[in-house]
């Protein structure tokens, strides 16, 4: 899952060095437009809509990994 997140973040923003502890805003200096583009890429990949209220709860990469697994939308 981490590799997928790294790939999507790189494809959308060109940023590298993403770890489970990476904070999207503090460490990667992403703005809301970048974050929405990343979310859109996840939604396309998993064919799943992430509610806006859930998006802003995901501060670090591990939050995304946990969310995807908790919702049961991880790749088989």
PDB file of N, CA and C in Angstrom:
ATOM      1  N   UNK A   1       0.819  -1.192   0.000  1.00  0.00           N
ATOM      2  CA  UNK A   1       0.000   0.000   0.000  1.00  0.00           C
ATOM      3  C   UNK A   1       0.867   1.261   0.000  1.00  0.00           C
ATOM      4  N   UNK A   2       1.964   1.235   0.762  1.00  0.00           N
ATOM      5  CA  UNK A   2       2.853   2.392   0.809  1.00  0.00           C
ATOM      6  C   UNK A   2       3.389   2.717  -0.582  1.00  0.00           C
ATOM      7  N   UNK A   3       3.739   1.675  -1.339  1.00  0.00           N
ATOM      8  CA  UNK A   3       4.278   1.898  -2.685  1.00  0.00           C
ATOM      9  C   UNK A   3       3.248   2.586  -3.587  1.00  0.00           C
ATOM     10  N   UNK A   4       1.983   2.192  -3.452  1.00  0.00           N
ATOM     11  CA  UNK A   4       0.919   2.821  -4.240  1.00  0.00           C
ATOM     12  C   UNK A   4       0.792   4.293  -3.874  1.00  0.00           C
ATOM     13  N   UNK A   5       0.810   4.591  -2.584  1.00  0.00           N
ATOM     14  CA  UNK A   5       0.715   5.982  -2.139  1.00  0.00           C
ATOM     15  C   UNK A   5       1.910   6.777  -2.648  1.00  0.00           C
ATOM     16  N   UNK A   6       3.106   6.205  -2.545  1.00  0.00           N
ATOM     17  CA  UNK A   6       4.298   6.888  -3.054  1.00  0.00           C
ATOM     18  C   UNK A   6       4.153   7.189  -4.540  1.00  0.00           C
ATOM     19  N   UNK A   7       3.666   6.231  -5.298  1.00  0.00           N
ATOM     20  CA  UNK A   7       3.509   6.403  -6.740  1.00  0.00           C
ATOM     21  C   UNK A   7       2.486   7.490  -7.061  1.00  0.00           C
ATOM     22  N   UNK A   8       1.345   7.461  -6.386  1.00  0.00           N
ATOM     23  CA  UNK A   8       0.312   8.468  -6.651  1.00  0.00           C
ATOM     24  C   UNK A   8       0.796   9.860  -6.260  1.00  0.00           C
ATOM     25  N   UNK A   9       1.422   9.985  -5.088  1.00  0.00           N
ATOM     26  CA  UNK A   9       1.932  11.290  -4.660  1.00  0.00           C
ATOM     27  C   UNK A   9       2.965  11.800  -5.669  1.00  0.00           C
ATOM     28  N   UNK A  10       3.855  10.931  -6.129  1.00  0.00           N
ATOM     29  CA  UNK A  10       4.855  11.352  -7.107  1.00  0.00           C
ATOM     30  C   UNK A  10       4.200  11.761  -8.425  1.00  0.00           C
ATOM     31  N   UNK A  11       3.250  10.957  -8.894  1.00  0.00           N
ATOM     32  CA  UNK A  11       2.589  11.261 -10.173  1.00  0.00           C
ATOM     33  C   UNK A  11       1.835  12.582 -10.130  1.00  0.00           C
ATOM     34  N   UNK A  12       1.240  12.905  -8.988  1.00  0.00           N
ATOM     35  CA  UNK A  12       0.445  14.127  -8.866  1.00  0.00           C
ATOM     36  C   UNK A  12       1.308  15.345  -8.541  1.00  0.00           C
ATOM     37  N   UNK A  13       2.319  15.157  -7.671  1.00  0.00           N
ATOM     38  CA  UNK A  13       3.061  16.320  -7.166  1.00  0.00           C
ATOM     39  C   UNK A  13       4.540  16.342  -7.520  1.00  0.00           C
ATOM     40  N   UNK A  14       5.095  15.190  -7.912  1.00  0.00           N
ATOM     41  CA  UNK A  14       6.530  15.102  -8.158  1.00  0.00           C
ATOM     42  C   UNK A  14       7.342  14.945  -6.884  1.00  0.00           C
ATOM     43  N   UNK A  15       6.666  14.812  -5.738  1.00  0.00           N
ATOM     44  CA  UNK A  15       7.353  14.687  -4.443  1.00  0.00           C
ATOM     45  C   UNK A  15       7.774  13.239  -4.204  1.00  0.00           C
ATOM     46  N   UNK A  16       8.936  13.061  -3.584  1.00  0.00           N
ATOM     47  CA  UNK A  16       9.453  11.733  -3.252  1.00  0.00           C
ATOM     48  C   UNK A  16       9.758  11.671  -1.765  1.00  0.00           C
ATOM     49  N   UNK A  17      10.212  10.500  -1.304  1.00  0.00           N
ATOM     50  CA  UNK A  17      10.600  10.352   0.097  1.00  0.00           C
ATOM     51  C   UNK A  17       9.428  10.161   1.031  1.00  0.00           C
ATOM     52  N   UNK A  18       8.314   9.668   0.520  1.00  0.00           N
ATOM     53  CA  UNK A  18       7.112   9.473   1.326  1.00  0.00           C
ATOM     54  C   UNK A  18       7.258   8.220   2.191  1.00  0.00           C
ATOM     55  N   UNK A  19       7.011   8.368   3.496  1.00  0.00           N
ATOM     56  CA  UNK A  19       7.047   7.266   4.455  1.00  0.00           C
ATOM     57  C   UNK A  19       5.695   7.237   5.176  1.00  0.00           C
ATOM     58  N   UNK A  20       5.430   6.210   5.983  1.00  0.00           N
ATOM     59  CA  UNK A  20       4.164   6.193   6.730  1.00  0.00           C
ATOM     60  C   UNK A  20       3.980   7.409   7.644  1.00  0.00           C
ATOM     61  N   UNK A  21       5.070   8.004   8.093  1.00  0.00           N
ATOM     62  CA  UNK A  21       4.989   9.144   9.006  1.00  0.00           C
ATOM     63  C   UNK A  21       4.902  10.494   8.286  1.00  0.00           C
ATOM     64  N   UNK A  22       4.988  10.498   6.969  1.00  0.00           N
ATOM     65  CA  UNK A  22       4.985  11.748   6.216  1.00  0.00           C
ATOM     66  C   UNK A  22       3.658  12.478   6.370  1.00  0.00           C
ATOM     67  N   UNK A  23       3.729  13.747   6.770  1.00  0.00           N
ATOM     68  CA  UNK A  23       2.560  14.614   6.881  1.00  0.00           C
ATOM     69  C   UNK A  23       2.384  15.319   5.535  1.00  0.00           C
ATOM     70  N   UNK A  24       1.183  15.219   4.974  1.00  0.00           N
ATOM     71  CA  UNK A  24       0.941  15.767   3.648  1.00  0.00           C
ATOM     72  C   UNK A  24       1.149  17.273   3.576  1.00  0.00           C
ATOM     73  N   UNK A  25       0.751  17.983   4.616  1.00  0.00           N
ATOM     74  CA  UNK A  25       0.855  19.443   4.589  1.00  0.00           C
ATOM     75  C   UNK A  25       2.198  19.916   5.134  1.00  0.00           C
ATOM     76  N   UNK A  26       2.586  19.418   6.296  1.00  0.00           N
ATOM     77  CA  UNK A  26       3.826  19.878   6.927  1.00  0.00           C
ATOM     78  C   UNK A  26       5.084  19.424   6.175  1.00  0.00           C
ATOM     79  N   UNK A  27       5.142  18.130   5.828  1.00  0.00           N
ATOM     80  CA  UNK A  27       6.357  17.589   5.220  1.00  0.00           C
ATOM     81  C   UNK A  27       6.411  17.778   3.702  1.00  0.00           C
ATOM     82  N   UNK A  28       5.281  17.554   3.039  1.00  0.00           N
ATOM     83  CA  UNK A  28       5.267  17.652   1.579  1.00  0.00           C
ATOM     84  C   UNK A  28       4.852  19.032   1.079  1.00  0.00           C
ATOM     85  N   UNK A  29       4.374  19.872   2.007  1.00  0.00           N
ATOM     86  CA  UNK A  29       3.946  21.238   1.683  1.00  0.00           C
ATOM     87  C   UNK A  29       2.897  21.259   0.581  1.00  0.00           C
ATOM     88  N   UNK A  30       1.930  20.339   0.691  1.00  0.00           N
ATOM     89  CA  UNK A  30       0.860  20.264  -0.298  1.00  0.00           C
ATOM     90  C   UNK A  30      -0.247  21.248   0.058  1.00  0.00           C
ATOM     91  N   UNK A  31      -0.891  21.772  -0.969  1.00  0.00           N
ATOM     92  CA  UNK A  31      -2.043  22.640  -0.746  1.00  0.00           C
ATOM     93  C   UNK A  31      -3.323  21.837  -0.981  1.00  0.00           C
ATOM     94  N   UNK A  32      -4.459  22.460  -0.777  1.00  0.00           N
ATOM     95  CA  UNK A  32      -5.729  21.732  -0.891  1.00  0.00           C
ATOM     96  C   UNK A  32      -5.954  21.209  -2.314  1.00  0.00           C
ATOM     97  N   UNK A  33      -5.478  21.924  -3.321  1.00  0.00           N
ATOM     98  CA  UNK A  33      -5.607  21.467  -4.704  1.00  0.00           C
ATOM     99  C   UNK A  33      -4.810  20.177  -4.915  1.00  0.00           C
ATOM    100  N   UNK A  34      -3.580  20.136  -4.410  1.00  0.00           N
ATOM    101  CA  UNK A  34      -2.754  18.923  -4.504  1.00  0.00           C
ATOM    102  C   UNK A  34      -3.442  17.748  -3.804  1.00  0.00           C
ATOM    103  N   UNK A  35      -3.954  17.998  -2.617  1.00  0.00           N
ATOM    104  CA  UNK A  35      -4.591  16.937  -1.838  1.00  0.00           C
ATOM    105  C   UNK A  35      -5.818  16.407  -2.569  1.00  0.00           C
ATOM    106  N   UNK A  36      -6.616  17.287  -3.126  1.00  0.00           N
ATOM    107  CA  UNK A  36      -7.810  16.835  -3.846  1.00  0.00           C
ATOM    108  C   UNK A  36      -7.426  16.033  -5.096  1.00  0.00           C
ATOM    109  N   UNK A  37      -6.343  16.406  -5.759  1.00  0.00           N
ATOM    110  CA  UNK A  37      -5.875  15.637  -6.911  1.00  0.00           C
ATOM    111  C   UNK A  37      -5.385  14.249  -6.493  1.00  0.00           C
ATOM    112  N   UNK A  38      -4.735  14.158  -5.355  1.00  0.00           N
ATOM    113  CA  UNK A  38      -4.297  12.866  -4.827  1.00  0.00           C
ATOM    114  C   UNK A  38      -5.506  12.013  -4.469  1.00  0.00           C
ATOM    115  N   UNK A  39      -6.475  12.617  -3.798  1.00  0.00           N
ATOM    116  CA  UNK A  39      -7.701  11.893  -3.434  1.00  0.00           C
ATOM    117  C   UNK A  39      -8.399  11.392  -4.693  1.00  0.00           C
ATOM    118  N   UNK A  40      -8.475  12.225  -5.698  1.00  0.00           N
ATOM    119  CA  UNK A  40      -9.110  11.830  -6.958  1.00  0.00           C
ATOM    120  C   UNK A  40      -8.393  10.630  -7.577  1.00  0.00           C
ATOM    121  N   UNK A  41      -7.083  10.616  -7.521  1.00  0.00           N
ATOM    122  CA  UNK A  41      -6.308   9.490  -8.056  1.00  0.00           C
ATOM    123  C   UNK A  41      -6.597   8.215  -7.267  1.00  0.00           C
ATOM    124  N   UNK A  42      -6.734   8.325  -5.945  1.00  0.00           N
ATOM    125  CA  UNK A  42      -7.094   7.165  -5.121  1.00  0.00           C
ATOM    126  C   UNK A  42      -8.488   6.677  -5.470  1.00  0.00           C
ATOM    127  N   UNK A  43      -9.412   7.612  -5.602  1.00  0.00           N
ATOM    128  CA  UNK A  43     -10.782   7.237  -5.933  1.00  0.00           C
ATOM    129  C   UNK A  43     -10.843   6.523  -7.279  1.00  0.00           C
ATOM    130  N   UNK A  44     -10.091   7.017  -8.240  1.00  0.00           N
ATOM    131  CA  UNK A  44     -10.042   6.352  -9.548  1.00  0.00           C
ATOM    132  C   UNK A  44      -9.434   4.963  -9.434  1.00  0.00           C
ATOM    133  N   UNK A  45      -8.347   4.839  -8.684  1.00  0.00           N
ATOM    134  CA  UNK A  45      -7.655   3.557  -8.550  1.00  0.00           C
ATOM    135  C   UNK A  45      -8.544   2.500  -7.893  1.00  0.00           C
ATOM    136  N   UNK A  46      -9.239   2.887  -6.828  1.00  0.00           N
ATOM    137  CA  UNK A  46     -10.039   1.940  -6.056  1.00  0.00           C
ATOM    138  C   UNK A  46     -11.514   1.921  -6.457  1.00  0.00           C
ATOM    139  N   UNK A  47     -11.909   2.831  -7.366  1.00  0.00           N
ATOM    140  CA  UNK A  47     -13.316   2.945  -7.755  1.00  0.00           C
ATOM    141  C   UNK A  47     -14.196   3.104  -6.506  1.00  0.00           C
ATOM    142  N   UNK A  48     -13.819   4.077  -5.681  1.00  0.00           N
ATOM    143  CA  UNK A  48     -14.470   4.320  -4.396  1.00  0.00           C
ATOM    144  C   UNK A  48     -14.468   5.824  -4.140  1.00  0.00           C
ATOM    145  N   UNK A  49     -15.585   6.358  -3.668  1.00  0.00           N
ATOM    146  CA  UNK A  49     -15.666   7.781  -3.349  1.00  0.00           C
ATOM    147  C   UNK A  49     -15.381   7.993  -1.866  1.00  0.00           C
ATOM    148  N   UNK A  50     -14.412   8.844  -1.594  1.00  0.00           N
ATOM    149  CA  UNK A  50     -14.040   9.168  -0.220  1.00  0.00           C
ATOM    150  C   UNK A  50     -14.787  10.438   0.178  1.00  0.00           C
ATOM    151  N   UNK A  51     -15.643  10.372   1.200  1.00  0.00           N
ATOM    152  CA  UNK A  51     -16.384  11.564   1.627  1.00  0.00           C
ATOM    153  C   UNK A  51     -15.435  12.682   2.093  1.00  0.00           C
ATOM    154  N   UNK A  52     -15.804  13.923   1.789  1.00  0.00           N
ATOM    155  CA  UNK A  52     -14.969  15.068   2.178  1.00  0.00           C
ATOM    156  C   UNK A  52     -14.660  15.077   3.670  1.00  0.00           C
ATOM    157  N   UNK A  53     -15.628  14.694   4.493  1.00  0.00           N
ATOM    158  CA  UNK A  53     -15.397  14.724   5.948  1.00  0.00           C
ATOM    159  C   UNK A  53     -14.269  13.773   6.347  1.00  0.00           C
ATOM    160  N   UNK A  54     -14.054  12.714   5.558  1.00  0.00           N
ATOM    161  CA  UNK A  54     -12.993  11.756   5.865  1.00  0.00           C
ATOM    162  C   UNK A  54     -11.632  12.227   5.353  1.00  0.00           C
ATOM    163  N   UNK A  55     -11.643  12.957   4.263  1.00  0.00           N
ATOM    164  CA  UNK A  55     -10.385  13.400   3.646  1.00  0.00           C
ATOM    165  C   UNK A  55      -9.540  14.202   4.629  1.00  0.00           C
ATOM    166  N   UNK A  56     -10.156  15.124   5.330  1.00  0.00           N
ATOM    167  CA  UNK A  56      -9.395  16.032   6.183  1.00  0.00           C
ATOM    168  C   UNK A  56      -8.970  15.406   7.497  1.00  0.00           C
ATOM    169  N   UNK A  57      -9.381  14.145   7.732  1.00  0.00           N
ATOM    170  CA  UNK A  57      -8.912  13.399   8.904  1.00  0.00           C
ATOM    171  C   UNK A  57      -7.586  12.703   8.618  1.00  0.00           C
ATOM    172  N   UNK A  58      -7.221  12.642   7.352  1.00  0.00           N
ATOM    173  CA  UNK A  58      -6.003  11.934   6.946  1.00  0.00           C
ATOM    174  C   UNK A  58      -4.853  12.929   6.845  1.00  0.00           C
ATOM    175  N   UNK A  59      -4.096  13.020   7.908  1.00  0.00           N
ATOM    176  CA  UNK A  59      -2.999  13.992   7.988  1.00  0.00           C
ATOM    177  C   UNK A  59      -1.667  13.412   7.513  1.00  0.00           C
ATOM    178  N   UNK A  60      -1.433  12.146   7.854  1.00  0.00           N
ATOM    179  CA  UNK A  60      -0.182  11.489   7.481  1.00  0.00           C
ATOM    180  C   UNK A  60      -0.488  10.256   6.630  1.00  0.00           C
ATOM    181  N   UNK A  61       0.522   9.752   5.964  1.00  0.00           N
ATOM    182  CA  UNK A  61       0.358   8.620   5.056  1.00  0.00           C
ATOM    183  C   UNK A  61      -0.252   7.407   5.760  1.00  0.00           C
ATOM    184  N   UNK A  62       0.165   7.132   6.992  1.00  0.00           N
ATOM    185  CA  UNK A  62      -0.381   5.986   7.715  1.00  0.00           C
ATOM    186  C   UNK A  62      -1.892   6.104   7.902  1.00  0.00           C
ATOM    187  N   UNK A  63      -2.402   7.338   8.039  1.00  0.00           N
ATOM    188  CA  UNK A  63      -3.850   7.544   8.146  1.00  0.00           C
ATOM    189  C   UNK A  63      -4.553   7.032   6.884  1.00  0.00           C
ATOM    190  N   UNK A  64      -3.953   7.268   5.729  1.00  0.00           N
ATOM    191  CA  UNK A  64      -4.529   6.809   4.459  1.00  0.00           C
ATOM    192  C   UNK A  64      -4.508   5.285   4.393  1.00  0.00           C
ATOM    193  N   UNK A  65      -3.387   4.699   4.763  1.00  0.00           N
ATOM    194  CA  UNK A  65      -3.264   3.234   4.756  1.00  0.00           C
ATOM    195  C   UNK A  65      -4.318   2.619   5.669  1.00  0.00           C
ATOM    196  N   UNK A  66      -4.455   3.162   6.869  1.00  0.00           N
ATOM    197  CA  UNK A  66      -5.439   2.649   7.824  1.00  0.00           C
ATOM    198  C   UNK A  66      -6.860   2.815   7.296  1.00  0.00           C
ATOM    199  N   UNK A  67      -7.156   3.957   6.709  1.00  0.00           N
ATOM    200  CA  UNK A  67      -8.491   4.234   6.179  1.00  0.00           C
ATOM    201  C   UNK A  67      -8.848   3.233   5.084  1.00  0.00           C
ATOM    202  N   UNK A  68      -7.949   3.030   4.152  1.00  0.00           N
ATOM    203  CA  UNK A  68      -8.204   2.118   3.039  1.00  0.00           C
ATOM    204  C   UNK A  68      -8.430   0.699   3.550  1.00  0.00           C
ATOM    205  N   UNK A  69      -7.626   0.274   4.479  1.00  0.00           N
ATOM    206  CA  UNK A  69      -7.799  -1.072   5.039  1.00  0.00           C
ATOM    207  C   UNK A  69      -9.071  -1.179   5.870  1.00  0.00           C
ATOM    208  N   UNK A  70      -9.367  -0.160   6.689  1.00  0.00           N
ATOM    209  CA  UNK A  70     -10.567  -0.184   7.528  1.00  0.00           C
ATOM    210  C   UNK A  70     -11.847  -0.224   6.692  1.00  0.00           C
ATOM    211  N   UNK A  71     -11.838   0.447   5.563  1.00  0.00           N
ATOM    212  CA  UNK A  71     -13.010   0.480   4.682  1.00  0.00           C
ATOM    213  C   UNK A  71     -13.090  -0.763   3.788  1.00  0.00           C
ATOM    214  N   UNK A  72     -12.040  -1.577   3.817  1.00  0.00           N
ATOM    215  CA  UNK A  72     -12.054  -2.795   3.007  1.00  0.00           C
ATOM    216  C   UNK A  72     -11.925  -2.539   1.524  1.00  0.00           C
ATOM    217  N   UNK A  73     -11.257  -1.452   1.172  1.00  0.00           N
ATOM    218  CA  UNK A  73     -11.133  -1.111  -0.249  1.00  0.00           C
ATOM    219  C   UNK A  73      -9.714  -1.341  -0.780  1.00  0.00           C
ATOM    220  N   UNK A  74      -8.861  -1.964   0.021  1.00  0.00           N
ATOM    221  CA  UNK A  74      -7.490  -2.232  -0.415  1.00  0.00           C
ATOM    222  C   UNK A  74      -7.507  -3.241  -1.558  1.00  0.00           C
ATOM    223  N   UNK A  75      -6.484  -3.161  -2.396  1.00  0.00           N
ATOM    224  CA  UNK A  75      -6.337  -4.121  -3.483  1.00  0.00           C
ATOM    225  C   UNK A  75      -6.257  -5.526  -2.917  1.00  0.00           C
ATOM    226  N   UNK A  76      -6.811  -6.459  -3.638  1.00  0.00           N
ATOM    227  CA  UNK A  76      -6.773  -7.860  -3.208  1.00  0.00           C
ATOM    228  C   UNK A  76      -5.384  -8.427  -3.363  1.00  0.00           C
TER     229      UNK A  76
END
